Amino acid sequence: MTKETKIAEDFESLGLAAPLLQAISDTGYTAPTPIQAQAIPIALTGIDLMAGAQTGTGKTAAFTLPILNSLLPMASTSTSPAKHPVRALILAPTRELAIQVEENIKTYAKNTNLRSLCVFGGVDIRKQTPALKTGVEVLVATPGRLLDHVEQKTVQLNQVRFLVLDEADRMLDMGFMPDLKRILALLPKKRQTLMFSATFSKEIKKLSDEFLSNPALIEVARSNATNDNVQQKAYAVAQKDKEPLLAQLLKEDAEKQVIVFTKTKLTANRLSRALVRDGIAADAIHGDKTQKERIAALDAFKEGSVKALVATDVAARGLDISDLPMVINYEIPSAPEDYVHRIGRTGRAGASGVAISLVSEDEEKYFEEIEKLIKKKVAREKTKVSHSKHKAPRSKSQTSAKKSQKSNDPFFYEPYVASKNDNASKKEPRSTRSNRKAPVAALLGGLKKR
């Protein structure tokens, strides 16, 4: 069913408890976003909910706040793990999104006795076990790592009252279905399920019937719409010109930080190295990076020491970087919905942003599908690409090594000394000796008469 509700003008009118309102006030937020104003009252009633809104409009708070509010009566100061069972399970498709969600939970629950934890793959599972054993009310997890803990019997899910599928379209559409079914079988049938995403296809809505019971449906903006705050631009460019054009665009806006999206991990690595050689501070983030490397790259980007973060679609969802002015699609995604999530990294929370796509001839078909999805035509612009003819400058270590090569290498300054191998020549063939000319002997002292 579709549920309509009056838009609240402040958080106080949403019916949230005082500890949560104080935490919200401490963050500086004064008024709920449209998705929060509509979703929170419905979620507080306990019915299932399927909510869609543009990326960057506050979906995370729209489900964390009502869950925390409902769990407050069960908060306990006891140190006994039995007093802190997992009551809310939030599933996310990527590590980055899971981390971000749990950071939000800690922010809003800081004035309560509710505990939270985030578990994900790519790190030693044994480091996550002690916190689980002490007990947590809210568990944020990626599906695979959650099942790892289930198999090791380090987590129990039989008291879960709330289930959230964040970025639900991706959860149901990228191979998570078998894991989700296994997880659902472990949960109590009597629970509240909330699904949140920026995009909902007809197929995803059908699949949601398996997870939700008579849900309320909220779509704050037109399904699959892009943010009006984001200026979308596209350049028609030959594949061979993409790299120099990217470097050119980054140098033209030297002060702006940019997330550059690629389709493959290989391209992300290669491109980040190429940008560094061109004098642009860059790093790559993708699924083959360790969790430590990914966090380090994100931290460097947030701190400003990295200008260009080259990422695969693992970073298209869940990255909440405030005031990100620009994203660039170096390669056009084959799934149109991924475009919506990519450019949703900019223009967040009412800020303006720019999304640039570099479209080669063989990518036109993908970009046309994107235009159909977002119901918007993006004009192709042409620009003059300047190819850099100079070589990247050598590092100091390379230069000093080159200069010291002659002075340190004996080959350049020690006199040549013949080795035994040099003097050990092969015996001269008999035919050669017999054919020597006399003048050679004459030069050595003359010829003896026989």
Protein backbone atom coordinates (compact mmCIF):
# COMPACT_ATOMS: atom_id res chain seq x y z
CA MET A 1 0.00 0.00 0.00
CA THR A 2 1.05 3.58 -0.39
CA LYS A 3 1.08 5.63 2.75
CA GLU A 4 0.87 9.39 2.82
CA THR A 5 1.66 11.42 5.88
CA LYS A 6 1.85 15.05 6.83
CA ILE A 7 5.34 16.47 6.43
CA ALA A 8 6.83 17.35 9.83
CA GLU A 9 8.65 20.64 10.10
CA ASP A 10 10.86 19.69 13.05
CA PHE A 11 12.16 16.56 14.75
CA GLU A 12 10.20 17.21 17.95
CA SER A 13 6.93 16.62 16.10
CA LEU A 14 8.07 13.18 14.93
CA GLY A 15 7.57 11.62 18.36
CA LEU A 16 11.21 10.81 19.08
CA ALA A 17 12.52 10.45 22.65
CA ALA A 18 14.50 13.20 24.36
CA PRO A 19 17.92 11.44 24.26
CA LEU A 20 17.62 11.10 20.48
CA LEU A 21 16.43 14.67 20.03
CA GLN A 22 19.43 15.92 22.00
CA ALA A 23 21.80 13.87 19.83
CA ILE A 24 20.15 15.24 16.67
CA SER A 25 20.48 18.77 18.00
CA ASP A 26 24.17 18.19 18.73
CA THR A 27 24.74 17.32 15.08
CA GLY A 28 23.33 20.69 14.04
CA TYR A 29 20.26 19.36 12.22
CA THR A 30 17.10 21.33 12.91
CA ALA A 31 14.56 19.99 10.41
CA PRO A 32 14.00 16.51 8.96
CA THR A 33 14.47 15.83 5.28
CA PRO A 34 11.39 14.76 3.29
CA ILE A 35 12.27 11.06 3.51
CA GLN A 36 12.83 11.34 7.27
CA ALA A 37 9.62 13.28 7.81
CA GLN A 38 7.59 10.65 5.98
CA ALA A 39 9.39 7.44 6.96
CA ILE A 40 9.99 7.94 10.68
CA PRO A 41 6.29 8.22 11.73
CA ILE A 42 5.41 5.13 9.66
CA ALA A 43 8.35 3.13 10.99
CA LEU A 44 7.37 4.02 14.56
CA THR A 45 3.99 2.33 14.03
CA GLY A 46 5.73 -1.02 13.56
CA ILE A 47 4.52 -1.83 10.03
CA ASP A 48 6.82 -2.88 7.21
CA LEU A 49 8.11 -0.11 4.97
CA MET A 50 9.60 0.18 1.51
CA ALA A 51 11.08 3.64 1.00
CA GLY A 52 12.79 5.21 -2.00
CA ALA A 53 14.56 8.55 -2.13
CA GLN A 54 17.49 10.14 -3.87
CA THR A 55 20.95 9.40 -2.54
CA GLY A 56 22.15 11.93 0.01
CA THR A 57 18.71 12.82 1.39
CA GLY A 58 19.11 11.27 4.84
CA LYS A 59 17.81 7.73 4.40
CA THR A 60 20.12 6.35 7.11
CA ALA A 61 18.61 8.50 9.86
CA ALA A 62 15.15 7.66 8.51
CA PHE A 63 15.52 4.07 9.70
CA THR A 64 18.08 4.33 12.53
CA LEU A 65 16.13 6.91 14.54
CA PRO A 66 12.80 4.99 14.76
CA ILE A 67 14.65 1.74 15.55
CA LEU A 68 16.65 3.34 18.35
CA ASN A 69 13.50 4.99 19.65
CA SER A 70 11.69 1.62 19.79
CA LEU A 71 14.65 -0.07 21.52
CA LEU A 72 15.05 2.53 24.27
CA PRO A 73 12.75 0.71 26.76
CA MET A 74 15.02 -2.35 26.47
CA ALA A 75 18.30 -0.46 27.00
CA SER A 76 20.28 -1.82 29.93
CA THR A 77 23.33 -0.85 31.97
CA SER A 78 23.99 -4.49 32.84
CA THR A 79 27.30 -6.01 31.83
CA SER A 80 25.65 -9.35 31.18
CA PRO A 81 25.62 -10.29 27.46
CA ALA A 82 22.17 -11.80 28.00
CA LYS A 83 20.84 -8.28 28.60
CA HIS A 84 22.17 -7.13 25.22
CA PRO A 85 20.90 -9.52 22.54
CA VAL A 86 20.85 -8.49 18.88
CA ARG A 87 17.43 -6.85 18.48
CA ALA A 88 18.03 -4.90 15.27
CA LEU A 89 19.89 -6.23 12.22
CA ILE A 90 20.91 -3.86 9.44
CA LEU A 91 22.30 -5.43 6.27
CA ALA A 92 24.36 -3.43 3.78
CA PRO A 93 25.97 -4.49 0.48
CA THR A 94 29.40 -2.92 1.04
CA ARG A 95 31.84 -2.46 3.88
CA GLU A 96 31.92 1.30 3.43
CA LEU A 97 28.16 1.62 3.70
CA ALA A 98 28.05 -0.66 6.75
CA ILE A 99 30.70 1.46 8.49
CA GLN A 100 28.85 4.67 7.68
CA VAL A 101 25.54 3.34 8.99
CA GLU A 102 27.09 2.23 12.28
CA GLU A 103 28.78 5.61 12.69
CA ASN A 104 25.33 7.21 12.39
CA ILE A 105 23.91 4.83 14.98
CA LYS A 106 26.67 5.71 17.46
CA THR A 107 26.03 9.40 16.86
CA TYR A 108 22.30 9.16 17.57
CA ALA A 109 22.57 6.60 20.41
CA LYS A 110 25.31 8.37 22.35
CA ASN A 111 22.91 9.47 25.11
CA THR A 112 21.49 5.97 25.55
CA ASN A 113 22.71 2.62 26.88
CA LEU A 114 22.17 0.92 23.52
CA ARG A 115 25.18 -0.83 22.00
CA SER A 116 26.02 -1.22 18.33
CA LEU A 117 28.63 -3.03 16.26
CA CYS A 118 29.63 -3.28 12.61
CA VAL A 119 30.96 -6.55 11.15
CA PHE A 120 32.26 -6.99 7.60
CA GLY A 121 34.69 -9.10 5.62
CA GLY A 122 38.25 -8.30 4.68
CA VAL A 123 39.49 -8.22 8.29
CA ASP A 124 40.31 -10.88 10.86
CA ILE A 125 36.99 -12.27 12.12
CA ARG A 126 38.56 -13.02 15.51
CA LYS A 127 38.87 -9.30 16.22
CA GLN A 128 35.09 -8.90 15.88
CA THR A 129 34.21 -11.82 18.14
CA PRO A 130 34.93 -10.30 21.60
CA ALA A 131 32.58 -7.34 21.02
CA LEU A 132 29.85 -9.70 19.82
CA LYS A 133 30.22 -11.85 22.91
CA THR A 134 29.70 -8.86 25.21
CA GLY A 135 26.35 -8.27 23.51
CA VAL A 136 25.02 -5.57 21.15
CA GLU A 137 21.47 -4.44 20.47
CA VAL A 138 22.11 -3.12 16.96
CA LEU A 139 24.23 -5.12 14.54
CA VAL A 140 25.25 -3.71 11.14
CA ALA A 141 26.69 -6.31 8.81
CA THR A 142 27.51 -7.37 5.29
CA PRO A 143 25.70 -10.65 4.53
CA GLY A 144 28.74 -12.86 3.98
CA ARG A 145 30.52 -11.91 7.19
CA LEU A 146 27.29 -12.23 9.20
CA LEU A 147 26.92 -15.82 8.01
CA ASP A 148 30.56 -16.45 8.97
CA HIS A 149 29.69 -15.45 12.54
CA VAL A 150 26.55 -17.54 12.47
CA GLU A 151 28.56 -20.61 11.46
CA GLN A 152 31.08 -19.94 14.23
CA LYS A 153 28.19 -19.52 16.69
CA THR A 154 29.43 -16.09 17.77
CA VAL A 155 26.06 -14.42 17.13
CA GLN A 156 22.43 -15.33 17.77
CA LEU A 157 19.63 -13.82 15.70
CA ASN A 158 16.58 -15.35 17.38
CA GLN A 159 15.64 -12.12 19.19
CA VAL A 160 15.83 -9.77 16.20
CA ARG A 161 12.81 -7.48 16.13
CA PHE A 162 13.92 -5.16 13.33
CA LEU A 163 15.48 -5.97 9.96
CA VAL A 164 16.74 -3.30 7.59
CA LEU A 165 17.90 -3.87 4.02
CA ASP A 166 19.88 -0.76 3.15
CA GLU A 167 20.39 -0.10 -0.56
CA ALA A 168 17.81 -2.83 -1.06
CA ASP A 169 17.96 -2.89 -4.84
CA ARG A 170 21.64 -3.77 -4.73
CA MET A 171 21.10 -6.27 -1.95
CA LEU A 172 18.53 -8.12 -4.02
CA ASP A 173 20.15 -7.61 -7.40
CA MET A 174 23.85 -8.41 -7.13
CA GLY A 175 24.02 -11.99 -6.00
CA PHE A 176 23.07 -11.55 -2.34
CA MET A 177 19.80 -13.41 -2.71
CA PRO A 178 21.07 -16.83 -1.49
CA ASP A 179 22.72 -15.26 1.57
CA LEU A 180 19.63 -13.19 2.34
CA LYS A 181 17.40 -16.24 2.26
CA ARG A 182 19.70 -18.04 4.68
CA ILE A 183 19.68 -15.06 7.02
CA LEU A 184 15.90 -14.63 6.86
CA ALA A 185 15.45 -18.26 7.86
CA LEU A 186 17.32 -17.51 11.10
CA LEU A 187 15.13 -14.53 12.07
CA PRO A 188 11.85 -14.56 14.00
CA LYS A 189 8.87 -14.39 11.67
CA LYS A 190 7.35 -11.70 13.86
CA ARG A 191 9.50 -8.67 13.09
CA GLN A 192 9.44 -5.33 11.31
CA THR A 193 11.28 -5.13 7.98
CA LEU A 194 12.36 -1.86 6.40
CA MET A 195 13.78 -1.53 2.88
CA PHE A 196 15.51 1.67 1.83
CA SER A 197 17.11 2.53 -1.50
CA ALA A 198 17.58 5.25 -4.07
CA THR A 199 16.26 3.05 -6.86
CA PHE A 200 13.49 0.45 -7.14
CA SER A 201 12.91 -1.39 -10.39
CA LYS A 202 9.71 -3.33 -11.04
CA GLU A 203 11.64 -6.58 -10.62
CA ILE A 204 13.00 -5.47 -7.26
CA LYS A 205 9.52 -4.56 -6.07
CA LYS A 206 8.34 -8.05 -6.96
CA LEU A 207 11.23 -9.62 -5.12
CA SER A 208 10.45 -7.51 -2.06
CA ASP A 209 7.19 -9.43 -1.65
CA GLU A 210 9.28 -12.28 -0.28
CA PHE A 211 10.69 -10.12 2.50
CA LEU A 212 7.94 -7.68 3.49
CA SER A 213 4.38 -8.12 4.67
CA ASN A 214 1.84 -5.60 3.36
CA PRO A 215 4.38 -2.76 3.41
CA ALA A 216 3.80 0.96 3.24
CA LEU A 217 5.44 2.44 0.16
CA ILE A 218 7.12 5.84 0.15
CA GLU A 219 8.81 7.40 -2.85
CA VAL A 220 9.82 10.92 -1.96
CA ALA A 221 11.13 11.65 -5.43
CA ARG A 222 10.34 10.05 -8.76
CA SER A 223 11.85 6.57 -8.85
CA ASN A 224 15.41 6.56 -10.21
CA ALA A 225 15.50 10.35 -10.35
CA THR A 226 18.76 12.24 -10.04
CA ASN A 227 19.24 15.20 -7.75
CA ASP A 228 18.36 18.56 -9.27
CA ASN A 229 21.31 20.05 -7.36
CA VAL A 230 23.71 18.08 -9.56
CA GLN A 231 24.70 19.58 -12.92
CA GLN A 232 25.17 16.71 -15.36
CA LYS A 233 27.64 17.05 -18.23
CA ALA A 234 28.93 14.60 -20.82
CA TYR A 235 31.91 14.75 -23.14
CA ALA A 236 32.02 12.77 -26.38
CA VAL A 237 35.61 11.54 -26.39
CA ALA A 238 37.69 8.82 -28.02
CA GLN A 239 38.80 6.09 -25.66
CA LYS A 240 42.48 6.97 -26.19
CA ASP A 241 41.79 10.58 -25.18
CA LYS A 242 40.03 9.80 -21.92
CA GLU A 243 43.12 9.75 -19.74
CA PRO A 244 44.57 13.08 -20.94
CA LEU A 245 41.10 14.68 -20.79
CA LEU A 246 40.65 13.51 -17.21
CA ALA A 247 44.01 14.97 -16.19
CA GLN A 248 43.08 18.19 -18.01
CA LEU A 249 39.74 18.47 -16.17
CA LEU A 250 41.37 17.82 -12.81
CA LYS A 251 44.03 20.46 -13.42
CA GLU A 252 41.45 23.02 -14.56
CA ASP A 253 39.67 22.62 -11.19
CA ALA A 254 42.83 22.17 -9.16
CA GLU A 255 41.17 22.95 -5.83
CA LYS A 256 38.25 20.56 -6.23
CA GLN A 257 38.27 17.03 -4.92
CA VAL A 258 36.80 14.42 -7.23
CA ILE A 259 35.70 10.80 -7.13
CA VAL A 260 36.52 9.17 -10.48
CA PHE A 261 34.51 6.04 -11.26
CA THR A 262 35.74 3.11 -13.32
CA LYS A 263 34.15 -0.24 -14.14
CA THR A 264 37.08 -2.47 -13.23
CA LYS A 265 39.66 -2.76 -10.46
CA LEU A 266 42.44 -3.01 -13.04
CA THR A 267 41.47 0.32 -14.61
CA ALA A 268 41.19 1.96 -11.19
CA ASN A 269 44.74 0.94 -10.28
CA ARG A 270 46.20 1.91 -13.64
CA LEU A 271 44.42 5.25 -13.73
CA SER A 272 45.39 6.28 -10.22
CA ARG A 273 49.05 5.56 -10.99
CA ALA A 274 48.80 7.54 -14.24
CA LEU A 275 47.35 10.55 -12.40
CA VAL A 276 50.14 10.42 -9.82
CA ARG A 277 52.73 10.41 -12.64
CA ASP A 278 50.97 13.47 -14.02
CA GLY A 279 51.43 15.31 -10.74
CA ILE A 280 47.90 14.77 -9.35
CA ALA A 281 47.52 13.34 -5.85
CA ALA A 282 45.41 10.23 -6.38
CA ASP A 283 44.60 6.86 -4.86
CA ALA A 284 42.39 3.91 -5.77
CA ILE A 285 39.69 2.10 -3.81
CA HIS A 286 38.09 -1.17 -4.89
CA GLY A 287 37.22 -4.68 -3.77
CA ASP A 288 40.76 -6.09 -4.01
CA LYS A 289 42.11 -3.55 -1.55
CA THR A 290 42.34 -4.66 2.07
CA GLN A 291 39.99 -3.00 4.51
CA LYS A 292 42.97 -1.17 6.04
CA GLU A 293 43.99 0.17 2.62
CA ARG A 294 40.43 1.26 1.79
CA ILE A 295 39.99 3.09 5.08
CA ALA A 296 43.40 4.76 4.67
CA ALA A 297 42.49 5.95 1.16
CA LEU A 298 39.13 7.28 2.33
CA ASP A 299 40.69 9.06 5.30
CA ALA A 300 43.34 10.66 3.08
CA PHE A 301 40.61 11.81 0.70
CA LYS A 302 38.48 13.25 3.49
CA GLU A 303 41.51 15.04 4.93
CA GLY A 304 42.29 16.55 1.52
CA SER A 305 45.72 15.01 0.95
CA VAL A 306 44.28 13.03 -1.97
CA LYS A 307 42.62 15.06 -4.72
CA ALA A 308 41.26 12.27 -6.91
CA LEU A 309 39.86 9.05 -5.48
CA VAL A 310 39.56 6.50 -8.29
CA ALA A 311 36.86 3.99 -7.40
CA THR A 312 34.86 1.10 -8.72
CA ASP A 313 31.18 0.85 -7.91
CA VAL A 314 32.05 -0.55 -4.49
CA ALA A 315 32.30 3.14 -3.54
CA ALA A 316 29.23 4.29 -5.42
CA ARG A 317 27.02 3.52 -2.45
CA GLY A 318 27.53 4.38 1.15
CA LEU A 319 30.26 7.00 0.85
CA ASP A 320 29.10 10.10 2.67
CA ILE A 321 31.70 12.76 1.98
CA SER A 322 30.49 16.20 2.90
CA ASP A 323 30.82 18.96 0.31
CA LEU A 324 32.12 16.73 -2.47
CA PRO A 325 31.90 19.09 -5.46
CA MET A 326 32.37 16.70 -8.37
CA VAL A 327 32.25 13.13 -9.61
CA ILE A 328 33.57 11.95 -12.97
CA ASN A 329 32.45 8.81 -14.77
CA TYR A 330 35.68 7.77 -16.49
CA GLU A 331 33.85 4.66 -17.70
CA ILE A 332 30.09 4.51 -18.15
CA PRO A 333 28.38 1.84 -16.03
CA SER A 334 26.55 -0.90 -17.89
CA ALA A 335 23.80 -0.89 -15.23
CA PRO A 336 21.94 2.45 -15.51
CA GLU A 337 20.99 2.42 -11.81
CA ASP A 338 24.69 2.57 -10.90
CA TYR A 339 24.89 5.97 -12.59
CA VAL A 340 22.26 7.32 -10.19
CA HIS A 341 24.24 6.10 -7.20
CA ARG A 342 27.56 7.31 -8.57
CA ILE A 343 26.48 10.89 -9.13
CA GLY A 344 24.61 10.79 -5.83
CA ARG A 345 27.98 11.15 -4.10
CA THR A 346 27.85 14.86 -4.93
CA GLY A 347 25.09 17.41 -4.38
CA ARG A 348 24.26 15.94 -0.97
CA ALA A 349 22.19 17.58 1.75
CA GLY A 350 21.16 20.47 -0.48
CA ALA A 351 24.66 21.34 -1.73
CA SER A 352 25.37 21.77 -5.43
CA GLY A 353 27.58 19.44 -7.41
CA VAL A 354 28.81 18.52 -10.88
CA ALA A 355 28.74 15.10 -12.51
CA ILE A 356 30.86 14.67 -15.66
CA SER A 357 30.73 11.60 -17.90
CA LEU A 358 33.41 10.73 -20.46
CA VAL A 359 31.48 8.87 -23.16
CA SER A 360 33.33 6.97 -25.87
CA GLU A 361 31.61 5.80 -29.03
CA ASP A 362 31.15 2.24 -27.80
CA GLU A 363 29.64 3.51 -24.53
CA GLU A 364 26.89 5.54 -26.20
CA LYS A 365 24.43 2.67 -25.87
CA TYR A 366 24.97 2.56 -22.11
CA PHE A 367 24.57 6.31 -21.72
CA GLU A 368 21.36 6.29 -23.76
CA GLU A 369 19.96 3.68 -21.34
CA ILE A 370 20.91 5.97 -18.47
CA GLU A 371 19.07 8.87 -20.09
CA LYS A 372 15.97 6.70 -20.44
CA LEU A 373 16.15 5.75 -16.77
CA ILE A 374 16.57 9.29 -15.43
CA LYS A 375 14.22 10.72 -18.08
CA LYS A 376 16.71 13.43 -18.93
CA LYS A 377 18.80 14.15 -22.01
CA VAL A 378 22.41 15.08 -21.27
CA ALA A 379 23.98 16.98 -24.16
CA ARG A 380 27.34 15.70 -25.42
CA GLU A 381 29.98 18.39 -25.35
CA LYS A 382 33.26 18.42 -27.23
CA THR A 383 36.50 19.78 -25.91
CA LYS A 384 40.06 20.08 -27.15
CA VAL A 385 42.23 17.48 -25.48
CA SER A 386 45.79 18.55 -24.77
CA HIS A 387 48.24 15.67 -24.81
CA SER A 388 51.15 16.19 -22.47
CA LYS A 389 54.45 15.71 -24.33
CA HIS A 390 56.78 15.97 -21.37
CA LYS A 391 57.81 13.01 -19.31
CA ALA A 392 56.82 12.90 -15.69
CA PRO A 393 59.61 14.32 -13.49
CA ARG A 394 61.88 11.81 -11.81
CA SER A 395 61.67 11.46 -8.08
CA LYS A 396 64.66 12.63 -6.04
CA SER A 397 65.66 9.07 -5.34
CA GLN A 398 65.61 8.24 -9.06
CA THR A 399 67.66 11.34 -9.95
CA SER A 400 70.28 10.83 -7.25
CA ALA A 401 70.58 7.18 -8.18
CA LYS A 402 71.20 8.17 -11.81
CA LYS A 403 73.82 10.76 -10.87
CA SER A 404 75.69 8.50 -8.51
CA GLN A 405 75.74 5.56 -10.90
CA LYS A 406 79.00 6.55 -12.61
CA SER A 407 80.78 7.53 -9.39
CA ASN A 408 79.77 4.38 -7.50
CA ASP A 409 80.01 1.77 -10.23
CA PRO A 410 83.61 0.45 -10.63
CA PHE A 411 82.89 -0.10 -14.32
CA PHE A 412 83.17 3.64 -14.90
CA TYR A 413 86.39 4.50 -13.05
CA GLU A 414 88.59 1.42 -12.40
CA PRO A 415 91.17 0.33 -15.08
CA TYR A 416 90.21 -2.63 -17.12
CA VAL A 417 91.79 -5.89 -15.95
CA ALA A 418 91.51 -8.90 -18.20
CA SER A 419 90.17 -12.00 -16.62
CA LYS A 420 91.49 -15.48 -17.24
CA ASN A 421 88.55 -16.10 -19.48
CA ASP A 422 89.52 -13.12 -21.57
CA ASN A 423 93.05 -14.57 -22.20
CA ALA A 424 91.93 -18.12 -22.67
CA SER A 425 91.22 -17.99 -26.35
CA LYS A 426 90.47 -21.02 -28.43
CA LYS A 427 93.29 -22.65 -30.34
CA GLU A 428 93.72 -21.13 -33.73
CA PRO A 429 92.67 -23.40 -36.54
CA ARG A 430 95.54 -25.01 -38.41
CA SER A 431 94.34 -23.57 -41.71
CA THR A 432 94.54 -20.05 -40.32
CA ARG A 433 98.10 -20.47 -38.99
CA SER A 434 99.37 -21.76 -42.29
CA ASN A 435 97.87 -18.88 -44.20
CA ARG A 436 99.50 -16.09 -42.15
CA LYS A 437 101.21 -13.50 -44.27
CA ALA A 438 104.93 -12.84 -43.79
CA PRO A 439 104.71 -9.08 -43.28
CA VAL A 440 103.15 -9.67 -39.89
CA ALA A 441 106.25 -11.51 -38.70
CA ALA A 442 108.46 -8.81 -40.22
CA LEU A 443 106.90 -6.24 -38.06
CA LEU A 444 107.97 -8.24 -35.01
CA GLY A 445 111.67 -8.34 -35.89
CA GLY A 446 112.04 -9.73 -39.37
CA LEU A 447 112.01 -13.14 -40.96
CA LYS A 448 114.71 -15.69 -40.33
CA LYS A 449 116.20 -17.25 -43.40
CA ARG A 450 115.93 -20.93 -43.59
